[in-house]
Amino acid sequence: MSIVSITQVNVLDNPTHFANPYQFEITFECIAPLTADLEWKIIYVGSANSNAHDQVLESIMVGPIPVGVNKFVFQADAPKPELIPHNDIVGVTVILITCSYQEREFVRIGYYVNNDYLDEELRENPPEQIAYDKLYRSILAERPRVTRFPINWDNPREEEQPPLQTEEEVREMMSKEQMLSGGEWEDMET
């Protein structure tokens, strides 16, 4: 049984311009005292083909954690476009929120992210050089994929247990065919 459970994640400022910070309001419950802080990360998956392009946008230690319900806003700068393969900037990717206790990840929350232009002409005929000032992102906030990893909370480093979801399954999650089609951009304002 997990001592810490994520009860809600609200994606803030969504949809928004590609260069704006990512913001998540995270609510979690702690049912027993912890001897160490929790480490939270926001990771941008830069390419479905390799984790070499993943960017840790922010990593923070949160603690001490009181028993009960806790809430905070986790913010991270947008990814550095120069570290993303050119062909992977526009289109579908994934943003991950992870939480670890004493260096053992126990939960991972993944969201699809669609980076695209608002302008229909630019979507149909994308420029050779990406127009970052016209690029927007939309996080599919209604459909997070949550993976839990069992850890020994009394001594997290004691036993290595297999994850409930493999890295291959995370990459598969990014499949562009699984992303909902169109229409998401109509509600955004320029």
N, C-alpha and C. Protein backbone atom coordinates (compact mmCIF):
# COMPACT_ATOMS: atom_id res chain seq x y z
N MET A 1 0.84 -1.19 0.00
CA MET A 1 0.00 0.00 0.00
C MET A 1 0.88 1.24 0.00
N SER A 2 0.51 2.21 -0.79
CA SER A 2 1.28 3.44 -0.90
C SER A 2 0.96 4.39 0.24
N ILE A 3 1.99 4.96 0.82
CA ILE A 3 1.79 5.96 1.88
C ILE A 3 1.37 7.29 1.29
N VAL A 4 1.81 7.56 0.05
CA VAL A 4 1.46 8.80 -0.64
C VAL A 4 0.63 8.46 -1.87
N SER A 5 -0.53 9.10 -1.99
CA SER A 5 -1.42 8.89 -3.13
C SER A 5 -1.76 10.22 -3.77
N ILE A 6 -1.59 10.30 -5.08
CA ILE A 6 -1.98 11.49 -5.83
C ILE A 6 -3.50 11.43 -5.97
N THR A 7 -4.18 12.46 -5.51
CA THR A 7 -5.65 12.46 -5.58
C THR A 7 -6.18 13.30 -6.73
N GLN A 8 -5.39 14.30 -7.17
CA GLN A 8 -5.86 15.14 -8.27
C GLN A 8 -4.69 15.92 -8.86
N VAL A 9 -4.72 16.08 -10.18
CA VAL A 9 -3.78 16.96 -10.87
C VAL A 9 -4.60 17.83 -11.81
N ASN A 10 -4.50 19.13 -11.64
CA ASN A 10 -5.16 20.08 -12.53
C ASN A 10 -4.10 20.70 -13.43
N VAL A 11 -4.33 20.63 -14.73
CA VAL A 11 -3.43 21.27 -15.68
C VAL A 11 -3.87 22.72 -15.81
N LEU A 12 -2.98 23.64 -15.47
CA LEU A 12 -3.29 25.06 -15.51
C LEU A 12 -2.78 25.66 -16.82
N ASP A 13 -3.34 26.81 -17.21
CA ASP A 13 -2.93 27.53 -18.42
C ASP A 13 -2.86 26.59 -19.62
N ASN A 14 -3.98 26.00 -19.93
CA ASN A 14 -4.04 25.02 -21.01
C ASN A 14 -5.31 25.23 -21.81
N PRO A 15 -5.22 25.35 -23.13
CA PRO A 15 -4.02 25.39 -23.97
C PRO A 15 -3.32 26.73 -23.86
N THR A 16 -2.09 26.77 -24.37
CA THR A 16 -1.29 27.98 -24.26
C THR A 16 -0.19 27.99 -25.32
N HIS A 17 0.54 29.07 -25.36
CA HIS A 17 1.66 29.22 -26.28
C HIS A 17 2.74 28.20 -25.93
N PHE A 18 3.44 27.70 -26.93
CA PHE A 18 4.47 26.68 -26.75
C PHE A 18 5.53 27.08 -25.72
N ALA A 19 5.91 28.35 -25.70
CA ALA A 19 7.01 28.80 -24.84
C ALA A 19 6.59 29.12 -23.40
N ASN A 20 5.29 29.09 -23.11
CA ASN A 20 4.84 29.38 -21.75
C ASN A 20 5.20 28.24 -20.80
N PRO A 21 5.35 28.55 -19.51
CA PRO A 21 5.68 27.50 -18.54
C PRO A 21 4.55 26.48 -18.41
N TYR A 22 4.94 25.27 -18.07
CA TYR A 22 3.98 24.23 -17.70
C TYR A 22 3.60 24.46 -16.24
N GLN A 23 2.30 24.31 -15.93
CA GLN A 23 1.83 24.50 -14.57
C GLN A 23 0.82 23.41 -14.22
N PHE A 24 1.08 22.75 -13.09
CA PHE A 24 0.20 21.69 -12.61
C PHE A 24 -0.11 21.93 -11.14
N GLU A 25 -1.38 21.90 -10.79
CA GLU A 25 -1.77 21.96 -9.39
C GLU A 25 -1.96 20.51 -8.93
N ILE A 26 -1.10 20.09 -8.00
CA ILE A 26 -1.07 18.69 -7.57
C ILE A 26 -1.61 18.58 -6.15
N THR A 27 -2.56 17.68 -5.96
CA THR A 27 -3.10 17.38 -4.63
C THR A 27 -2.77 15.93 -4.33
N PHE A 28 -2.21 15.70 -3.14
CA PHE A 28 -1.87 14.34 -2.75
C PHE A 28 -2.14 14.15 -1.27
N GLU A 29 -2.30 12.89 -0.90
CA GLU A 29 -2.56 12.56 0.49
C GLU A 29 -1.43 11.69 1.03
N CYS A 30 -0.99 12.02 2.24
CA CYS A 30 0.03 11.25 2.93
C CYS A 30 -0.63 10.64 4.17
N ILE A 31 -0.58 9.30 4.31
CA ILE A 31 -1.31 8.65 5.41
C ILE A 31 -0.42 8.26 6.59
N ALA A 32 0.90 8.50 6.47
CA ALA A 32 1.82 8.18 7.58
C ALA A 32 3.02 9.11 7.49
N PRO A 33 3.71 9.35 8.60
CA PRO A 33 4.89 10.23 8.57
C PRO A 33 5.98 9.68 7.64
N LEU A 34 6.65 10.60 6.95
CA LEU A 34 7.77 10.25 6.07
C LEU A 34 9.06 10.77 6.70
N THR A 35 10.14 10.03 6.53
CA THR A 35 11.42 10.45 7.09
C THR A 35 12.23 11.29 6.10
N ALA A 36 11.79 11.34 4.84
CA ALA A 36 12.52 12.09 3.82
C ALA A 36 11.53 12.87 2.96
N ASP A 37 12.08 13.80 2.17
CA ASP A 37 11.27 14.60 1.25
C ASP A 37 10.85 13.77 0.04
N LEU A 38 9.87 14.29 -0.68
CA LEU A 38 9.47 13.71 -1.96
C LEU A 38 10.15 14.48 -3.08
N GLU A 39 10.62 13.78 -4.10
CA GLU A 39 11.21 14.44 -5.26
C GLU A 39 10.21 14.38 -6.41
N TRP A 40 9.85 15.55 -6.92
CA TRP A 40 8.92 15.67 -8.04
C TRP A 40 9.69 16.13 -9.26
N LYS A 41 9.33 15.59 -10.44
CA LYS A 41 9.96 16.00 -11.69
C LYS A 41 8.89 16.20 -12.75
N ILE A 42 9.16 17.15 -13.64
CA ILE A 42 8.39 17.31 -14.87
C ILE A 42 9.36 17.02 -16.01
N ILE A 43 8.99 16.05 -16.85
CA ILE A 43 9.87 15.59 -17.93
C ILE A 43 9.13 15.73 -19.25
N TYR A 44 9.79 16.40 -20.22
CA TYR A 44 9.25 16.55 -21.57
C TYR A 44 9.88 15.47 -22.44
N VAL A 45 9.05 14.64 -23.07
CA VAL A 45 9.55 13.59 -23.95
C VAL A 45 9.77 14.21 -25.32
N GLY A 46 11.04 14.37 -25.69
CA GLY A 46 11.38 15.07 -26.92
C GLY A 46 11.21 14.27 -28.19
N SER A 47 11.26 12.94 -28.07
CA SER A 47 11.13 12.10 -29.26
C SER A 47 10.61 10.72 -28.84
N ALA A 48 9.72 10.19 -29.65
CA ALA A 48 9.20 8.85 -29.38
C ALA A 48 10.24 7.78 -29.69
N ASN A 49 11.28 8.14 -30.43
CA ASN A 49 12.27 7.17 -30.87
C ASN A 49 13.39 6.94 -29.88
N SER A 50 13.62 7.89 -28.97
CA SER A 50 14.76 7.77 -28.06
C SER A 50 14.56 8.65 -26.84
N ASN A 51 14.93 8.13 -25.67
CA ASN A 51 14.84 8.97 -24.47
C ASN A 51 16.03 9.91 -24.35
N ALA A 52 16.94 9.88 -25.32
CA ALA A 52 18.09 10.79 -25.32
C ALA A 52 17.64 12.25 -25.46
N HIS A 53 16.43 12.47 -25.97
CA HIS A 53 15.93 13.83 -26.17
C HIS A 53 14.98 14.28 -25.06
N ASP A 54 14.77 13.43 -24.06
CA ASP A 54 13.92 13.82 -22.93
C ASP A 54 14.59 14.94 -22.15
N GLN A 55 13.79 15.88 -21.68
CA GLN A 55 14.31 17.01 -20.90
C GLN A 55 13.61 17.05 -19.54
N VAL A 56 14.41 17.04 -18.48
CA VAL A 56 13.86 17.27 -17.15
C VAL A 56 13.67 18.78 -17.04
N LEU A 57 12.42 19.22 -17.11
CA LEU A 57 12.12 20.65 -17.10
C LEU A 57 12.25 21.24 -15.70
N GLU A 58 11.95 20.44 -14.69
CA GLU A 58 12.07 20.91 -13.30
C GLU A 58 12.14 19.70 -12.39
N SER A 59 12.92 19.83 -11.34
CA SER A 59 13.03 18.80 -10.31
C SER A 59 13.07 19.52 -8.97
N ILE A 60 12.15 19.17 -8.07
CA ILE A 60 12.10 19.83 -6.77
C ILE A 60 11.94 18.80 -5.66
N MET A 61 12.46 19.15 -4.50
CA MET A 61 12.25 18.35 -3.30
C MET A 61 11.17 19.05 -2.49
N VAL A 62 10.17 18.29 -2.06
CA VAL A 62 9.06 18.85 -1.28
C VAL A 62 9.04 18.14 0.07
N GLY A 63 9.11 18.91 1.12
CA GLY A 63 9.07 18.32 2.46
C GLY A 63 9.47 19.34 3.51
N PRO A 64 9.32 19.01 4.76
CA PRO A 64 8.72 17.77 5.24
C PRO A 64 7.24 17.71 4.90
N ILE A 65 6.77 16.50 4.70
CA ILE A 65 5.38 16.27 4.29
C ILE A 65 4.53 15.95 5.51
N PRO A 66 3.54 16.79 5.82
CA PRO A 66 2.65 16.46 6.94
C PRO A 66 1.65 15.37 6.55
N VAL A 67 1.22 14.62 7.53
CA VAL A 67 0.16 13.63 7.30
C VAL A 67 -1.11 14.39 6.96
N GLY A 68 -1.84 13.92 5.95
CA GLY A 68 -3.07 14.57 5.53
C GLY A 68 -3.02 14.94 4.06
N VAL A 69 -3.92 15.83 3.66
CA VAL A 69 -4.01 16.27 2.27
C VAL A 69 -3.10 17.47 2.06
N ASN A 70 -2.32 17.43 1.00
CA ASN A 70 -1.37 18.49 0.66
C ASN A 70 -1.61 18.93 -0.78
N LYS A 71 -1.31 20.20 -1.06
CA LYS A 71 -1.52 20.73 -2.40
C LYS A 71 -0.42 21.75 -2.70
N PHE A 72 0.06 21.74 -3.95
CA PHE A 72 1.02 22.75 -4.40
C PHE A 72 0.92 22.91 -5.91
N VAL A 73 1.44 24.03 -6.41
CA VAL A 73 1.49 24.26 -7.85
C VAL A 73 2.93 24.02 -8.29
N PHE A 74 3.08 23.12 -9.24
CA PHE A 74 4.39 22.75 -9.78
C PHE A 74 4.52 23.39 -11.15
N GLN A 75 5.54 24.23 -11.31
CA GLN A 75 5.73 24.98 -12.56
C GLN A 75 7.11 24.69 -13.12
N ALA A 76 7.18 24.62 -14.44
CA ALA A 76 8.45 24.38 -15.12
C ALA A 76 8.48 25.16 -16.42
N ASP A 77 9.67 25.64 -16.77
CA ASP A 77 9.84 26.32 -18.04
C ASP A 77 9.57 25.36 -19.19
N ALA A 78 9.22 25.92 -20.33
CA ALA A 78 8.99 25.11 -21.54
C ALA A 78 10.29 24.43 -21.95
N PRO A 79 10.20 23.37 -22.74
CA PRO A 79 11.42 22.70 -23.18
C PRO A 79 12.25 23.59 -24.10
N LYS A 80 13.53 23.28 -24.16
CA LYS A 80 14.43 24.00 -25.07
C LYS A 80 14.29 23.37 -26.46
N PRO A 81 13.74 24.13 -27.42
CA PRO A 81 13.49 23.56 -28.75
C PRO A 81 14.75 23.04 -29.44
N GLU A 82 15.89 23.65 -29.15
CA GLU A 82 17.13 23.23 -29.81
C GLU A 82 17.56 21.82 -29.39
N LEU A 83 16.98 21.29 -28.31
CA LEU A 83 17.31 19.94 -27.85
C LEU A 83 16.33 18.88 -28.36
N ILE A 84 15.33 19.33 -29.11
CA ILE A 84 14.30 18.43 -29.65
C ILE A 84 14.58 18.24 -31.14
N PRO A 85 14.54 17.01 -31.66
CA PRO A 85 14.70 16.83 -33.10
C PRO A 85 13.68 17.68 -33.86
N HIS A 86 14.14 18.33 -34.91
CA HIS A 86 13.31 19.26 -35.68
C HIS A 86 11.97 18.64 -36.08
N ASN A 87 11.98 17.39 -36.51
CA ASN A 87 10.75 16.73 -36.97
C ASN A 87 9.81 16.36 -35.84
N ASP A 88 10.25 16.46 -34.59
CA ASP A 88 9.42 16.08 -33.44
C ASP A 88 8.85 17.27 -32.68
N ILE A 89 9.15 18.48 -33.10
CA ILE A 89 8.66 19.66 -32.36
C ILE A 89 7.17 19.86 -32.58
N VAL A 90 6.74 19.84 -33.83
CA VAL A 90 5.32 19.98 -34.14
C VAL A 90 4.71 18.57 -34.16
N GLY A 91 3.61 18.42 -33.44
CA GLY A 91 2.95 17.12 -33.38
C GLY A 91 2.72 16.68 -31.95
N VAL A 92 2.55 15.38 -31.78
CA VAL A 92 2.16 14.81 -30.49
C VAL A 92 3.38 14.30 -29.73
N THR A 93 3.41 14.59 -28.45
CA THR A 93 4.44 14.07 -27.56
C THR A 93 3.80 13.81 -26.20
N VAL A 94 4.62 13.67 -25.18
CA VAL A 94 4.14 13.36 -23.83
C VAL A 94 4.88 14.23 -22.83
N ILE A 95 4.16 14.66 -21.79
CA ILE A 95 4.77 15.32 -20.63
C ILE A 95 4.53 14.39 -19.44
N LEU A 96 5.57 14.18 -18.64
CA LEU A 96 5.47 13.28 -17.49
C LEU A 96 5.66 14.05 -16.19
N ILE A 97 4.90 13.68 -15.19
CA ILE A 97 5.13 14.13 -13.82
C ILE A 97 5.48 12.88 -13.04
N THR A 98 6.63 12.90 -12.37
CA THR A 98 7.02 11.74 -11.58
C THR A 98 7.22 12.16 -10.13
N CYS A 99 7.07 11.19 -9.24
CA CYS A 99 7.35 11.44 -7.82
C CYS A 99 8.13 10.25 -7.28
N SER A 100 9.19 10.57 -6.51
CA SER A 100 10.06 9.55 -5.93
C SER A 100 10.22 9.79 -4.44
N TYR A 101 10.46 8.70 -3.75
CA TYR A 101 10.76 8.76 -2.32
C TYR A 101 12.08 8.03 -2.10
N GLN A 102 13.05 8.73 -1.57
CA GLN A 102 14.40 8.20 -1.37
C GLN A 102 14.92 7.53 -2.64
N GLU A 103 14.83 8.28 -3.73
CA GLU A 103 15.35 7.89 -5.05
C GLU A 103 14.61 6.73 -5.70
N ARG A 104 13.44 6.38 -5.21
CA ARG A 104 12.63 5.32 -5.82
C ARG A 104 11.33 5.93 -6.33
N GLU A 105 11.17 5.90 -7.64
CA GLU A 105 9.94 6.42 -8.25
C GLU A 105 8.77 5.52 -7.88
N PHE A 106 7.68 6.15 -7.40
CA PHE A 106 6.51 5.35 -7.04
C PHE A 106 5.27 5.73 -7.84
N VAL A 107 5.32 6.85 -8.57
CA VAL A 107 4.19 7.20 -9.43
C VAL A 107 4.70 8.02 -10.61
N ARG A 108 4.04 7.78 -11.77
CA ARG A 108 4.33 8.54 -12.99
C ARG A 108 3.00 8.85 -13.65
N ILE A 109 2.81 10.12 -13.98
CA ILE A 109 1.57 10.55 -14.63
C ILE A 109 1.95 11.12 -15.98
N GLY A 110 1.38 10.57 -17.04
CA GLY A 110 1.71 11.02 -18.39
C GLY A 110 0.50 11.65 -19.07
N TYR A 111 0.78 12.72 -19.79
CA TYR A 111 -0.25 13.42 -20.57
C TYR A 111 0.22 13.56 -22.01
N TYR A 112 -0.70 13.36 -22.94
CA TYR A 112 -0.41 13.69 -24.33
C TYR A 112 -0.34 15.20 -24.46
N VAL A 113 0.58 15.66 -25.30
CA VAL A 113 0.71 17.08 -25.61
C VAL A 113 0.71 17.21 -27.13
N ASN A 114 -0.12 18.09 -27.65
CA ASN A 114 -0.14 18.35 -29.08
C ASN A 114 0.41 19.75 -29.32
N ASN A 115 1.55 19.83 -30.02
CA ASN A 115 2.15 21.11 -30.40
C ASN A 115 1.77 21.37 -31.85
N ASP A 116 1.08 22.48 -32.09
CA ASP A 116 0.63 22.76 -33.44
C ASP A 116 0.37 24.26 -33.59
N TYR A 117 0.09 24.65 -34.82
CA TYR A 117 -0.25 26.04 -35.11
C TYR A 117 -1.75 26.24 -34.99
N LEU A 118 -2.13 27.44 -34.57
CA LEU A 118 -3.55 27.79 -34.54
C LEU A 118 -4.07 28.05 -35.94
N ASP A 119 -3.24 28.71 -36.73
CA ASP A 119 -3.60 29.11 -38.07
C ASP A 119 -3.73 27.88 -38.97
N GLU A 120 -4.89 27.73 -39.59
CA GLU A 120 -5.15 26.57 -40.44
C GLU A 120 -4.18 26.49 -41.61
N GLU A 121 -3.83 27.63 -42.17
CA GLU A 121 -2.88 27.66 -43.29
C GLU A 121 -1.52 27.11 -42.86
N LEU A 122 -1.06 27.48 -41.67
CA LEU A 122 0.22 26.97 -41.17
C LEU A 122 0.14 25.48 -40.84
N ARG A 123 -1.01 25.02 -40.39
CA ARG A 123 -1.17 23.58 -40.10
C ARG A 123 -1.11 22.77 -41.39
N GLU A 124 -1.77 23.29 -42.44
CA GLU A 124 -1.82 22.56 -43.71
C GLU A 124 -0.51 22.67 -44.48
N ASN A 125 0.15 23.81 -44.36
CA ASN A 125 1.42 24.05 -45.06
C ASN A 125 2.45 24.57 -44.06
N PRO A 126 2.98 23.69 -43.20
CA PRO A 126 3.90 24.16 -42.17
C PRO A 126 5.17 24.75 -42.78
N PRO A 127 5.66 25.84 -42.20
CA PRO A 127 6.88 26.46 -42.72
C PRO A 127 8.08 25.54 -42.47
N GLU A 128 9.09 25.68 -43.34
CA GLU A 128 10.31 24.87 -43.18
C GLU A 128 10.98 25.18 -41.84
N GLN A 129 11.09 26.46 -41.54
CA GLN A 129 11.60 26.90 -40.23
C GLN A 129 10.41 27.05 -39.30
N ILE A 130 10.46 26.41 -38.16
CA ILE A 130 9.32 26.45 -37.24
C ILE A 130 9.09 27.88 -36.75
N ALA A 131 7.85 28.32 -36.83
CA ALA A 131 7.47 29.67 -36.36
C ALA A 131 7.05 29.55 -34.90
N TYR A 132 8.04 29.62 -34.00
CA TYR A 132 7.77 29.41 -32.57
C TYR A 132 6.79 30.43 -32.00
N ASP A 133 6.76 31.63 -32.57
CA ASP A 133 5.85 32.65 -32.07
C ASP A 133 4.39 32.31 -32.39
N LYS A 134 4.16 31.34 -33.28
CA LYS A 134 2.80 30.95 -33.65
C LYS A 134 2.47 29.52 -33.24
N LEU A 135 3.38 28.90 -32.51
CA LEU A 135 3.21 27.51 -32.10
C LEU A 135 2.55 27.43 -30.73
N TYR A 136 1.52 26.62 -30.64
CA TYR A 136 0.77 26.46 -29.39
C TYR A 136 0.81 25.00 -28.95
N ARG A 137 0.54 24.80 -27.68
CA ARG A 137 0.46 23.43 -27.16
C ARG A 137 -0.87 23.24 -26.45
N SER A 138 -1.36 22.02 -26.53
CA SER A 138 -2.58 21.64 -25.83
C SER A 138 -2.32 20.31 -25.14
N ILE A 139 -2.53 20.27 -23.83
CA ILE A 139 -2.35 19.05 -23.06
C ILE A 139 -3.71 18.37 -22.94
N LEU A 140 -3.75 17.10 -23.26
CA LEU A 140 -5.00 16.34 -23.15
C LEU A 140 -5.20 15.99 -21.67
N ALA A 141 -5.68 16.98 -20.92
CA ALA A 141 -5.75 16.90 -19.46
C ALA A 141 -6.76 15.88 -18.96
N GLU A 142 -7.76 15.58 -19.76
CA GLU A 142 -8.82 14.67 -19.32
C GLU A 142 -8.40 13.21 -19.34
N ARG A 143 -7.26 12.91 -19.93
CA ARG A 143 -6.88 11.51 -20.11
C ARG A 143 -5.45 11.23 -19.64
N PRO A 144 -5.15 11.44 -18.38
CA PRO A 144 -3.79 11.10 -17.93
C PRO A 144 -3.60 9.59 -17.86
N ARG A 145 -2.38 9.18 -18.01
CA ARG A 145 -2.04 7.76 -17.84
C ARG A 145 -1.19 7.66 -16.58
N VAL A 146 -1.69 6.97 -15.58
CA VAL A 146 -1.02 6.89 -14.29
C VAL A 146 -0.40 5.50 -14.13
N THR A 147 0.88 5.49 -13.79
CA THR A 147 1.60 4.25 -13.53
C THR A 147 2.11 4.30 -12.10
N ARG A 148 1.82 3.24 -11.35
CA ARG A 148 2.28 3.16 -9.96
C ARG A 148 3.36 2.09 -9.87
N PHE A 149 4.39 2.39 -9.09
CA PHE A 149 5.48 1.45 -8.87
C PHE A 149 5.49 1.08 -7.39
N PRO A 150 5.41 -0.19 -7.07
CA PRO A 150 5.44 -0.58 -5.65
C PRO A 150 6.83 -0.38 -5.06
N ILE A 151 6.90 0.26 -3.90
CA ILE A 151 8.17 0.41 -3.20
C ILE A 151 7.97 0.02 -1.74
N ASN A 152 9.06 -0.29 -1.08
CA ASN A 152 9.04 -0.55 0.35
C ASN A 152 9.22 0.80 1.04
N TRP A 153 8.17 1.34 1.61
CA TRP A 153 8.21 2.69 2.18
C TRP A 153 9.11 2.77 3.40
N ASP A 154 9.28 1.67 4.12
CA ASP A 154 10.15 1.68 5.29
C ASP A 154 11.62 1.73 4.90
N ASN A 155 11.94 1.10 3.79
CA ASN A 155 13.31 1.09 3.29
C ASN A 155 13.26 0.98 1.77
N PRO A 156 13.01 2.11 1.07
CA PRO A 156 12.79 2.08 -0.38
C PRO A 156 13.93 1.47 -1.18
N ARG A 157 15.15 1.53 -0.67
CA ARG A 157 16.29 1.01 -1.44
C ARG A 157 16.49 -0.49 -1.25
N GLU A 158 15.75 -1.08 -0.33
CA GLU A 158 15.95 -2.48 0.03
C GLU A 158 15.65 -3.45 -1.10
N GLU A 159 14.54 -3.29 -1.76
CA GLU A 159 14.15 -4.26 -2.77
C GLU A 159 13.84 -3.58 -4.09
N GLU A 160 14.29 -4.20 -5.15
CA GLU A 160 14.00 -3.71 -6.49
C GLU A 160 12.79 -4.47 -7.01
N GLN A 161 11.73 -3.77 -7.31
CA GLN A 161 10.54 -4.41 -7.83
C GLN A 161 10.30 -3.92 -9.25
N PRO A 162 9.81 -4.79 -10.11
CA PRO A 162 9.58 -4.36 -11.49
C PRO A 162 8.47 -3.32 -11.56
N PRO A 163 8.60 -2.37 -12.49
CA PRO A 163 7.53 -1.38 -12.65
C PRO A 163 6.26 -2.04 -13.16
N LEU A 164 5.15 -1.39 -12.89
CA LEU A 164 3.87 -1.89 -13.39
C LEU A 164 3.66 -1.52 -14.85
N GLN A 165 4.59 -0.70 -15.39
CA GLN A 165 4.53 -0.32 -16.79
C GLN A 165 5.96 -0.16 -17.27
N THR A 166 6.29 -0.72 -18.43
CA THR A 166 7.65 -0.66 -18.94
C THR A 166 7.88 0.63 -19.73
N GLU A 167 9.16 0.94 -19.96
CA GLU A 167 9.50 2.11 -20.78
C GLU A 167 8.91 1.97 -22.18
N GLU A 168 8.88 0.75 -22.71
CA GLU A 168 8.31 0.53 -24.04
C GLU A 168 6.84 0.92 -24.07
N GLU A 169 6.13 0.61 -22.98
CA GLU A 169 4.72 0.97 -22.91
C GLU A 169 4.54 2.48 -22.85
N VAL A 170 5.47 3.17 -22.18
CA VAL A 170 5.40 4.64 -22.14
C VAL A 170 5.60 5.19 -23.54
N ARG A 171 6.58 4.64 -24.28
CA ARG A 171 6.83 5.09 -25.66
C ARG A 171 5.61 4.78 -26.54
N GLU A 172 5.01 3.62 -26.33
CA GLU A 172 3.83 3.25 -27.10
C GLU A 172 2.69 4.23 -26.86
N MET A 173 2.63 4.75 -25.62
CA MET A 173 1.60 5.72 -25.25
C MET A 173 1.65 6.93 -26.17
N MET A 174 2.84 7.22 -26.68
CA MET A 174 3.02 8.41 -27.50
C MET A 174 2.54 8.23 -28.93
N SER A 175 2.14 7.04 -29.30
CA SER A 175 1.75 6.77 -30.66
C SER A 175 0.76 7.83 -31.16
N LYS A 176 1.09 8.45 -32.26
CA LYS A 176 0.25 9.53 -32.78
C LYS A 176 -1.14 9.05 -33.17
N GLU A 177 -1.27 7.77 -33.48
CA GLU A 177 -2.59 7.25 -33.84
C GLU A 177 -3.54 7.24 -32.66
N GLN A 178 -2.99 7.24 -31.42
CA GLN A 178 -3.84 7.20 -30.23
C GLN A 178 -4.35 8.59 -29.85
N MET A 179 -3.76 9.63 -30.40
CA MET A 179 -4.15 10.99 -30.04
C MET A 179 -5.51 11.32 -30.66
N LEU A 180 -6.33 11.98 -29.93
CA LEU A 180 -7.62 12.39 -30.48
C LEU A 180 -7.38 13.34 -31.63
N SER A 181 -8.21 13.25 -32.63
CA SER A 181 -8.01 14.06 -33.82
C SER A 181 -8.65 15.42 -33.66
N GLY A 182 -8.02 16.41 -34.29
CA GLY A 182 -8.50 17.78 -34.48
C GLY A 182 -9.48 18.35 -33.49
N GLY A 183 -9.92 19.56 -33.78
CA GLY A 183 -10.96 20.23 -33.01
C GLY A 183 -10.48 20.84 -31.72
N GLU A 184 -9.36 20.38 -31.19
CA GLU A 184 -8.91 20.89 -29.91
C GLU A 184 -8.43 22.33 -29.99
N TRP A 185 -8.09 22.75 -31.17
CA TRP A 185 -7.50 24.07 -31.33
C TRP A 185 -8.55 25.16 -31.53
N GLU A 186 -9.78 24.77 -31.76
CA GLU A 186 -10.81 25.75 -32.06
C GLU A 186 -11.14 26.64 -30.87
N ASP A 187 -10.96 26.13 -29.65
CA ASP A 187 -11.32 26.90 -28.47
C ASP A 187 -10.22 27.86 -28.02
N MET A 188 -9.04 27.76 -28.60
CA MET A 188 -7.94 28.62 -28.19
C MET A 188 -8.08 30.01 -28.78
N GLU A 189 -7.60 30.96 -28.01
CA GLU A 189 -7.60 32.33 -28.49
C GLU A 189 -6.20 32.69 -28.94
N THR A 190 -6.10 33.52 -29.98
CA THR A 190 -4.79 33.95 -30.46
C THR A 190 -4.25 35.09 -29.68
